[in-house]
Amino acid sequence: MRTARVQREADGMQVPPNHGHMEWIRRACLPAAAAFVLVLTCSPVAARTSTGTWSPAAGLHDAHDHAAATLLRDGRVLVAGGDGDGIDRASAEIYDPASNRWSRTGALRTPRSDASATALADGRVLVAGGGDAGAVLSSAEVYDPATGAWTTTRPMTTRREGQTATRLPNGTVLLAGGFDGEHFLGSAEVFDPSTGAWTPTSPMTAPRFGHTATLLKDGRVLVAGGYALDQAATLPPVWDSPRIPPSQHADGPAAELYDPRLGAWMPTRAMGTARAAHTASLLTDGRVLVAGGTNPATGTQLASCELFDPAGGGWKDTGSMDGARALHTATVLPDGSVIVAGGYRLGDGSLSSAELYDVPGGVWVAAPGMPRPLSPASATALLGGGVLVVGGDESRGHTTGEAAIFHS
């Protein structure tokens, strides 16, 4: 992990001088992280049940905590960068669901963790920003699955990590918000794969970190939630956020919409509850399900969920999850339901539990729990209907690569 020189006292806890913003979040939340991989295989069913079995899956060659994971055109999954035992990695691996095996591929030109990864329209993968050895990066590189090699492209206009990255309908990629090592960012920029150039676009109405960005069916991008602190050298509220007095928190910013045709942001109605480190899932009917997260004003994790309707631009409450969680994953399954897995909850630490959201009923149903807690994690929907989850397991004292398969 990068180790930006950012310090503060928080409820009597001294942040070590060689651990900064992203590392401190991790240490407060996952003091003994281990990389772990889970393949959740699912098929459409008439009624959801909580039955299922687990079996071992191939482990990774390296640990890739806080790594970028991307579905390739051929159905394989690329995992690049991240860190192992606190050291930023350049190594990359590809998972093949057909053989249940990981294979090494070309290494990143620059080690990085907490970077964004975006599948481009031509099948290549853009990885941008992140942190390396104490510095936030502006560099970006592109992976070509045909050659297994990375090519450096032009740097972003702003160094950033923890940003959102959204491929727009015209093939360009919108990056928004994040952290530059000193401030949360409201700036946004667009990458053009045809030229390799970055172009600044209109800034958001507020700085954001821990937000979500969702491409709507009409081509606009919904950005929701996040932290909006903008003080220099200020750490964001960690997921174990009561370590920081509530007076240090800021209410999350309202939601806004980016229109790529205009290159501009437009405010929309605010969520009913301010939240950060939540998930946002585009449902098959075009609405967006926002689930869980942390309340920036109180530092408590949330079980509440809301639905955004692009037609009216409004939010409404829907069924709450059985348990509060932040830093979890959420994936839309082939039958249209949404599985939420893992995450973090104050008092319980990292979670192994999972839940299914039934869209017609607007309710959550318990799903089989993962064999080990995973948080933070990334989830990739596989072409065969499963979900590949790569994340951290706090049950071990060092990072390792492990795998398991869930059969429904």
Protein backbone atom coordinates (compact mmCIF):
# COMPACT_ATOMS: atom_id res chain seq x y z
CA MET A 1 0.00 0.00 0.00
CA ARG A 2 1.09 3.57 -0.50
CA THR A 3 2.18 5.37 2.65
CA ALA A 4 1.49 9.08 2.23
CA ARG A 5 2.80 11.02 5.22
CA VAL A 6 -0.53 11.86 6.79
CA GLN A 7 -1.02 11.69 10.56
CA ARG A 8 -3.61 12.42 13.17
CA GLU A 9 -4.68 11.52 16.68
CA ALA A 10 -8.01 9.72 16.69
CA ASP A 11 -9.64 8.79 19.95
CA GLY A 12 -6.24 8.23 21.53
CA MET A 13 -4.94 6.14 18.62
CA GLN A 14 -1.69 7.43 17.10
CA VAL A 15 -1.45 6.86 13.36
CA PRO A 16 2.09 5.66 12.61
CA PRO A 17 4.02 8.29 10.60
CA ASN A 18 4.71 5.86 7.76
CA HIS A 19 1.07 4.98 7.19
CA GLY A 20 -1.28 7.33 5.43
CA HIS A 21 -4.84 7.69 4.27
CA MET A 22 -5.55 4.40 2.49
CA GLU A 23 -3.26 2.33 4.71
CA TRP A 24 -4.78 3.74 7.90
CA ILE A 25 -8.27 2.86 6.69
CA ARG A 26 -7.09 -0.67 6.12
CA ARG A 27 -5.29 -1.01 9.46
CA ALA A 28 -8.33 0.20 11.39
CA CYS A 29 -10.54 -2.23 9.51
CA LEU A 30 -8.43 -5.20 8.52
CA PRO A 31 -5.42 -5.49 10.81
CA ALA A 32 -4.48 -8.85 9.43
CA ALA A 33 -5.67 -8.96 5.83
CA ALA A 34 -5.24 -11.91 3.53
CA ALA A 35 -6.15 -12.13 -0.13
CA PHE A 36 -8.98 -14.54 -0.82
CA VAL A 37 -10.97 -15.51 -3.88
CA LEU A 38 -14.51 -16.80 -3.98
CA VAL A 39 -16.45 -18.00 -6.99
CA LEU A 40 -20.19 -17.86 -6.42
CA THR A 41 -22.05 -19.81 -9.07
CA CYS A 42 -25.73 -19.19 -9.40
CA SER A 43 -28.58 -19.93 -11.74
CA PRO A 44 -32.04 -18.45 -12.06
CA VAL A 45 -34.52 -20.07 -9.68
CA ALA A 46 -38.18 -19.57 -9.03
CA ALA A 47 -37.75 -18.95 -5.31
CA ARG A 48 -34.64 -18.03 -3.36
CA THR A 49 -33.39 -20.42 -0.70
CA SER A 50 -30.42 -20.36 1.64
CA THR A 51 -29.05 -23.76 0.62
CA GLY A 52 -25.70 -24.22 -1.10
CA THR A 53 -22.33 -25.90 -0.82
CA TRP A 54 -18.72 -24.79 -1.02
CA SER A 55 -15.73 -26.48 -2.64
CA PRO A 56 -12.09 -25.42 -2.98
CA ALA A 57 -10.97 -23.43 -6.02
CA ALA A 58 -7.52 -22.68 -7.33
CA GLY A 59 -5.55 -20.11 -5.36
CA LEU A 60 -3.76 -17.10 -6.80
CA HIS A 61 -0.02 -17.15 -7.33
CA ASP A 62 0.30 -13.87 -5.39
CA ALA A 63 -1.82 -11.95 -2.92
CA HIS A 64 -3.62 -9.01 -4.55
CA ASP A 65 -5.39 -7.10 -1.80
CA HIS A 66 -6.95 -3.80 -3.00
CA ALA A 67 -6.41 -4.99 -6.57
CA ALA A 68 -8.26 -4.05 -9.73
CA ALA A 69 -10.36 -6.86 -11.25
CA THR A 70 -11.85 -6.75 -14.76
CA LEU A 71 -13.91 -9.13 -16.90
CA LEU A 72 -12.28 -9.74 -20.28
CA ARG A 73 -14.20 -10.35 -23.51
CA ASP A 74 -13.46 -14.06 -23.50
CA GLY A 75 -14.91 -14.52 -20.01
CA ARG A 76 -11.66 -14.64 -18.10
CA VAL A 77 -10.91 -12.17 -15.28
CA LEU A 78 -7.82 -9.98 -15.01
CA VAL A 79 -6.54 -9.09 -11.52
CA ALA A 80 -3.72 -6.55 -11.56
CA GLY A 81 -1.73 -4.79 -8.88
CA GLY A 82 -2.92 -4.42 -5.31
CA ASP A 83 -0.66 -5.21 -2.41
CA GLY A 84 0.61 -8.12 -0.40
CA ASP A 85 1.80 -7.72 3.18
CA GLY A 86 1.76 -3.94 2.72
CA ILE A 87 3.92 -3.90 -0.42
CA ASP A 88 2.40 -2.52 -3.62
CA ARG A 89 2.45 -5.07 -6.44
CA ALA A 90 2.96 -4.89 -10.18
CA SER A 91 2.12 -8.53 -10.84
CA ALA A 92 -1.04 -9.52 -12.69
CA GLU A 93 -2.95 -12.79 -13.08
CA ILE A 94 -5.84 -14.11 -15.15
CA TYR A 95 -8.55 -16.43 -13.85
CA ASP A 96 -10.12 -18.91 -16.28
CA PRO A 97 -13.53 -20.11 -14.99
CA ALA A 98 -13.54 -23.01 -17.47
CA SER A 99 -10.42 -24.59 -15.98
CA ASN A 100 -10.64 -23.03 -12.50
CA ARG A 101 -7.01 -21.95 -12.81
CA TRP A 102 -4.98 -18.77 -12.41
CA SER A 103 -2.15 -17.97 -14.81
CA ARG A 104 0.40 -15.18 -14.68
CA THR A 105 0.37 -12.48 -17.33
CA GLY A 106 2.46 -9.41 -17.99
CA ALA A 107 3.20 -7.23 -14.98
CA LEU A 108 2.12 -3.62 -14.65
CA ARG A 109 4.83 -1.12 -15.52
CA THR A 110 4.21 0.62 -12.19
CA PRO A 111 3.16 -1.14 -8.97
CA ARG A 112 -0.16 0.26 -7.76
CA SER A 113 -3.04 -0.44 -5.39
CA ASP A 114 -6.46 1.21 -5.09
CA ALA A 115 -6.35 1.99 -8.82
CA SER A 116 -9.37 1.97 -11.11
CA ALA A 117 -9.69 -0.65 -13.85
CA THR A 118 -12.01 -0.30 -16.84
CA ALA A 119 -12.70 -2.66 -19.74
CA LEU A 120 -12.47 -0.66 -22.97
CA ALA A 121 -14.74 -1.22 -25.96
CA ASP A 122 -11.91 -2.80 -27.99
CA GLY A 123 -11.22 -5.42 -25.30
CA ARG A 124 -8.22 -3.77 -23.71
CA VAL A 125 -8.17 -2.70 -20.03
CA LEU A 126 -7.33 0.77 -18.70
CA VAL A 127 -5.76 0.93 -15.22
CA ALA A 128 -5.32 4.43 -13.81
CA GLY A 129 -4.02 6.11 -10.69
CA GLY A 130 -3.73 4.41 -7.33
CA GLY A 131 -0.83 4.51 -4.92
CA ASP A 132 2.73 3.23 -4.94
CA ALA A 133 5.25 3.40 -2.08
CA GLY A 134 3.89 6.51 -0.44
CA ALA A 135 2.82 8.45 -3.53
CA VAL A 136 -0.52 8.94 -5.25
CA LEU A 137 -0.14 8.31 -8.97
CA SER A 138 -1.25 10.19 -12.06
CA SER A 139 0.11 7.53 -14.41
CA ALA A 140 -2.08 5.14 -16.41
CA GLU A 141 -1.47 2.05 -18.51
CA VAL A 142 -3.41 -0.19 -20.87
CA TYR A 143 -3.44 -4.01 -20.95
CA ASP A 144 -3.82 -5.88 -24.23
CA PRO A 145 -5.12 -9.45 -23.69
CA ALA A 146 -3.89 -10.42 -27.16
CA THR A 147 -0.25 -9.83 -26.20
CA GLY A 148 -0.47 -10.08 -22.40
CA ALA A 149 1.48 -6.82 -22.15
CA TRP A 150 0.94 -3.37 -20.64
CA THR A 151 1.58 -0.10 -22.47
CA THR A 152 2.02 3.21 -20.70
CA THR A 153 -0.45 5.84 -21.87
CA ARG A 154 -0.55 9.53 -21.10
CA PRO A 155 -0.88 10.49 -17.43
CA MET A 156 -4.08 11.86 -15.96
CA THR A 157 -4.36 15.60 -15.44
CA THR A 158 -4.61 15.01 -11.66
CA ARG A 159 -3.07 12.35 -9.47
CA ARG A 160 -5.81 10.39 -7.74
CA GLU A 161 -6.71 7.14 -5.99
CA GLY A 162 -10.07 5.81 -4.89
CA GLN A 163 -11.75 7.46 -7.88
CA THR A 164 -14.69 6.04 -9.81
CA ALA A 165 -14.21 5.05 -13.46
CA THR A 166 -17.15 4.67 -15.87
CA ARG A 167 -17.03 3.71 -19.54
CA LEU A 168 -19.39 6.00 -21.40
CA PRO A 169 -21.54 4.96 -24.40
CA ASN A 170 -19.07 6.53 -26.87
CA GLY A 171 -16.21 4.41 -25.50
CA THR A 172 -14.46 7.13 -23.51
CA VAL A 173 -13.92 6.70 -19.75
CA LEU A 174 -15.05 9.17 -17.08
CA LEU A 175 -12.96 9.36 -13.89
CA ALA A 176 -14.42 11.34 -11.00
CA GLY A 177 -13.38 12.29 -7.47
CA GLY A 178 -10.93 10.40 -5.28
CA PHE A 179 -7.98 11.53 -3.18
CA ASP A 180 -4.74 13.21 -4.27
CA GLY A 181 -2.76 12.66 -1.07
CA GLU A 182 -3.90 15.91 0.52
CA HIS A 183 -7.49 16.61 -0.53
CA PHE A 184 -10.64 14.82 -1.59
CA LEU A 185 -11.32 15.73 -5.21
CA GLY A 186 -14.30 17.18 -7.02
CA SER A 187 -12.52 17.21 -10.37
CA ALA A 188 -13.31 14.86 -13.24
CA GLU A 189 -11.59 13.94 -16.50
CA VAL A 190 -12.25 11.82 -19.57
CA PHE A 191 -9.91 9.32 -21.26
CA ASP A 192 -10.10 8.82 -25.03
CA PRO A 193 -8.78 5.33 -25.96
CA SER A 194 -8.34 6.35 -29.60
CA THR A 195 -5.74 9.01 -28.73
CA GLY A 196 -4.62 8.00 -25.23
CA ALA A 197 -5.35 11.56 -24.08
CA TRP A 198 -7.04 12.83 -20.93
CA THR A 199 -9.32 15.87 -21.04
CA PRO A 200 -10.66 17.69 -17.98
CA THR A 201 -14.44 17.94 -17.87
CA SER A 202 -16.75 19.91 -15.61
CA PRO A 203 -16.08 19.30 -11.90
CA MET A 204 -18.67 17.78 -9.63
CA THR A 205 -20.58 20.02 -7.25
CA ALA A 206 -18.63 18.66 -4.27
CA PRO A 207 -15.45 16.69 -3.53
CA ARG A 208 -16.14 12.99 -3.12
CA PHE A 209 -14.41 9.92 -1.76
CA GLY A 210 -16.13 6.62 -1.06
CA HIS A 211 -18.84 7.45 -3.61
CA THR A 212 -20.37 5.35 -6.38
CA ALA A 213 -20.83 5.99 -10.11
CA THR A 214 -23.45 4.12 -12.13
CA LEU A 215 -24.00 4.26 -15.89
CA LEU A 216 -27.73 4.63 -16.49
CA LYS A 217 -29.54 3.17 -19.48
CA ASP A 218 -29.95 6.63 -21.02
CA GLY A 219 -26.16 7.18 -21.03
CA ARG A 220 -25.97 9.53 -18.06
CA VAL A 221 -23.87 8.72 -14.97
CA LEU A 222 -25.35 8.81 -11.47
CA VAL A 223 -22.84 9.71 -8.77
CA ALA A 224 -24.10 9.25 -5.22
CA GLY A 225 -22.85 9.65 -1.67
CA GLY A 226 -19.30 9.66 -0.41
CA TYR A 227 -17.37 11.84 1.98
CA ALA A 228 -17.02 15.52 1.15
CA LEU A 229 -14.23 16.70 3.44
CA ASP A 230 -11.78 18.99 1.68
CA GLN A 231 -9.33 19.99 4.41
CA ALA A 232 -5.66 19.54 3.54
CA ALA A 233 -3.92 16.53 5.07
CA THR A 234 -7.16 15.27 6.62
CA LEU A 235 -7.82 11.56 6.72
CA PRO A 236 -11.27 10.43 5.70
CA PRO A 237 -13.46 8.82 8.37
CA VAL A 238 -12.29 5.22 8.53
CA TRP A 239 -14.81 2.43 8.33
CA ASP A 240 -14.11 1.88 12.02
CA SER A 241 -15.17 5.51 12.15
CA PRO A 242 -16.00 6.06 15.83
CA ARG A 243 -12.21 6.22 16.25
CA ILE A 244 -12.62 9.71 14.80
CA PRO A 245 -14.92 12.05 16.77
CA PRO A 246 -18.17 12.79 14.88
CA SER A 247 -17.20 16.47 14.74
CA GLN A 248 -14.55 15.47 12.20
CA HIS A 249 -17.14 14.00 9.86
CA ALA A 250 -19.00 15.84 7.13
CA ASP A 251 -22.45 15.07 5.81
CA GLY A 252 -22.24 13.26 2.50
CA PRO A 253 -22.87 15.29 -0.66
CA ALA A 254 -26.13 15.07 -2.58
CA ALA A 255 -26.41 12.96 -5.72
CA GLU A 256 -25.70 14.38 -9.17
CA LEU A 257 -25.90 13.31 -12.81
CA TYR A 258 -23.23 13.65 -15.51
CA ASP A 259 -24.47 14.16 -19.06
CA PRO A 260 -21.69 13.21 -21.50
CA ARG A 261 -23.45 15.02 -24.35
CA LEU A 262 -23.11 18.29 -22.46
CA GLY A 263 -19.97 17.46 -20.50
CA ALA A 264 -21.75 18.83 -17.44
CA TRP A 265 -23.05 17.77 -14.03
CA MET A 266 -26.62 18.38 -12.91
CA PRO A 267 -27.83 18.05 -9.33
CA THR A 268 -30.59 15.57 -8.57
CA ARG A 269 -32.48 14.81 -5.40
CA ALA A 270 -30.45 13.73 -2.38
CA MET A 271 -30.70 10.23 -0.94
CA GLY A 272 -32.85 9.86 2.14
CA THR A 273 -29.76 8.89 4.14
CA ALA A 274 -26.24 10.22 3.64
CA ARG A 275 -23.85 7.32 3.04
CA ALA A 276 -20.35 6.42 1.87
CA ALA A 277 -18.60 3.09 1.20
CA HIS A 278 -21.94 1.78 -0.06
CA THR A 279 -22.81 -0.06 -3.27
CA ALA A 280 -24.91 0.99 -6.25
CA SER A 281 -26.35 -1.58 -8.68
CA LEU A 282 -28.13 -0.94 -11.97
CA LEU A 283 -31.25 -3.12 -11.98
CA THR A 284 -32.70 -4.64 -15.13
CA ASP A 285 -35.61 -2.20 -15.02
CA GLY A 286 -33.24 0.79 -15.12
CA ARG A 287 -33.50 1.79 -11.49
CA VAL A 288 -30.45 1.89 -9.18
CA LEU A 289 -30.30 0.02 -5.87
CA VAL A 290 -28.08 1.67 -3.24
CA ALA A 291 -27.30 -0.56 -0.27
CA GLY A 292 -25.65 -0.09 3.11
CA GLY A 293 -22.53 1.96 3.65
CA THR A 294 -21.40 4.24 6.48
CA ASN A 295 -23.25 7.36 7.62
CA PRO A 296 -20.64 10.16 7.31
CA ALA A 297 -22.25 12.19 10.11
CA THR A 298 -22.34 9.43 12.73
CA GLY A 299 -19.77 6.90 11.54
CA THR A 300 -22.21 4.02 11.92
CA GLN A 301 -22.74 1.34 9.31
CA LEU A 302 -26.13 1.17 7.60
CA ALA A 303 -28.58 -1.61 6.75
CA SER A 304 -30.96 0.74 4.95
CA CYS A 305 -31.33 0.70 1.16
CA GLU A 306 -32.81 3.09 -1.40
CA LEU A 307 -33.91 3.00 -5.03
CA PHE A 308 -33.23 5.77 -7.56
CA ASP A 309 -35.65 6.16 -10.45
CA PRO A 310 -34.05 8.00 -13.41
CA ALA A 311 -37.48 8.74 -14.89
CA GLY A 312 -38.49 10.98 -12.01
CA GLY A 313 -35.07 11.67 -10.52
CA GLY A 314 -36.26 10.64 -7.06
CA TRP A 315 -35.25 8.24 -4.32
CA LYS A 316 -37.46 5.97 -2.25
CA ASP A 317 -36.76 3.57 0.58
CA THR A 318 -36.82 -0.16 -0.02
CA GLY A 319 -36.32 -3.16 2.25
CA SER A 320 -33.36 -3.01 4.62
CA MET A 321 -30.68 -5.68 4.77
CA ASP A 322 -30.71 -8.03 7.75
CA GLY A 323 -27.42 -6.54 8.95
CA ALA A 324 -25.61 -3.24 8.50
CA ARG A 325 -22.46 -3.32 6.38
CA ALA A 326 -20.02 -1.13 4.46
CA LEU A 327 -17.21 -1.96 2.02
CA HIS A 328 -19.24 -4.92 0.76
CA THR A 329 -19.79 -6.09 -2.81
CA ALA A 330 -23.05 -6.08 -4.75
CA THR A 331 -23.64 -7.91 -8.04
CA VAL A 332 -26.69 -8.22 -10.27
CA LEU A 333 -27.37 -11.90 -11.03
CA PRO A 334 -28.79 -13.30 -14.29
CA ASP A 335 -32.30 -13.50 -12.82
CA GLY A 336 -32.18 -9.80 -11.91
CA SER A 337 -31.73 -10.23 -8.17
CA VAL A 338 -28.73 -8.69 -6.37
CA ILE A 339 -26.31 -10.51 -4.10
CA VAL A 340 -24.50 -8.52 -1.41
CA ALA A 341 -21.54 -10.21 0.27
CA GLY A 342 -18.90 -9.49 2.86
CA GLY A 343 -18.11 -6.03 4.10
CA TYR A 344 -17.40 -4.53 7.49
CA ARG A 345 -19.46 -3.68 10.56
CA LEU A 346 -18.26 -1.94 13.70
CA GLY A 347 -18.19 -4.42 16.56
CA ASP A 348 -18.14 -7.43 14.25
CA GLY A 349 -15.19 -6.55 12.02
CA SER A 350 -15.07 -8.08 8.55
CA LEU A 351 -18.12 -10.09 7.55
CA SER A 352 -18.67 -13.42 5.81
CA SER A 353 -22.46 -13.13 5.55
CA ALA A 354 -24.36 -12.62 2.30
CA GLU A 355 -27.89 -11.57 1.34
CA LEU A 356 -30.03 -11.59 -1.80
CA TYR A 357 -32.28 -8.70 -2.82
CA ASP A 358 -35.53 -9.74 -4.50
CA VAL A 359 -36.45 -6.89 -6.84
CA PRO A 360 -40.20 -7.59 -7.29
CA GLY A 361 -40.73 -8.02 -3.55
CA GLY A 362 -38.29 -5.32 -2.47
CA VAL A 363 -37.01 -7.61 0.30
CA TRP A 364 -33.75 -9.28 1.30
CA VAL A 365 -33.32 -13.04 1.79
CA ALA A 366 -30.43 -14.63 3.66
CA ALA A 367 -27.89 -16.37 1.44
CA PRO A 368 -25.19 -18.86 2.44
CA GLY A 369 -22.28 -17.10 4.07
CA MET A 370 -18.79 -17.04 2.61
CA PRO A 371 -16.24 -19.41 4.19
CA ARG A 372 -14.13 -16.47 5.39
CA PRO A 373 -14.73 -12.75 5.92
CA LEU A 374 -13.92 -10.55 2.93
CA SER A 375 -13.50 -6.78 3.19
CA PRO A 376 -12.68 -4.78 1.21
CA ALA A 377 -13.31 -6.81 -1.92
CA SER A 378 -14.10 -6.58 -5.62
CA ALA A 379 -16.79 -8.62 -7.37
CA THR A 380 -16.85 -9.55 -11.03
CA ALA A 381 -19.91 -11.06 -12.70
CA LEU A 382 -18.79 -14.01 -14.83
CA LEU A 383 -20.27 -14.75 -18.24
CA GLY A 384 -21.39 -18.16 -16.99
CA GLY A 385 -23.55 -16.62 -14.28
CA GLY A 386 -21.20 -16.74 -11.28
CA VAL A 387 -19.53 -13.98 -9.31
CA LEU A 388 -15.79 -13.86 -8.69
CA VAL A 389 -14.95 -12.05 -5.46
CA VAL A 390 -11.37 -11.05 -4.64
CA GLY A 391 -10.70 -9.48 -1.27
CA GLY A 392 -9.13 -9.59 2.17
CA ASP A 393 -9.44 -12.26 4.87
CA GLU A 394 -8.62 -11.00 8.37
CA SER A 395 -8.28 -14.47 9.91
CA ARG A 396 -4.57 -14.78 9.04
CA GLY A 397 -1.55 -12.73 9.93
CA HIS A 398 -0.20 -12.35 6.40
CA THR A 399 -1.61 -12.09 2.89
CA THR A 400 -2.09 -15.29 0.91
CA GLY A 401 -3.95 -16.32 -2.22
CA GLU A 402 -6.87 -18.68 -1.59
CA ALA A 403 -10.00 -19.70 -3.46
CA ALA A 404 -13.37 -21.43 -3.01
CA ILE A 405 -16.43 -22.18 -5.13
CA PHE A 406 -20.05 -21.87 -4.02
CA HIS A 407 -22.56 -24.18 -5.74
CA SER A 408 -26.27 -23.36 -5.56
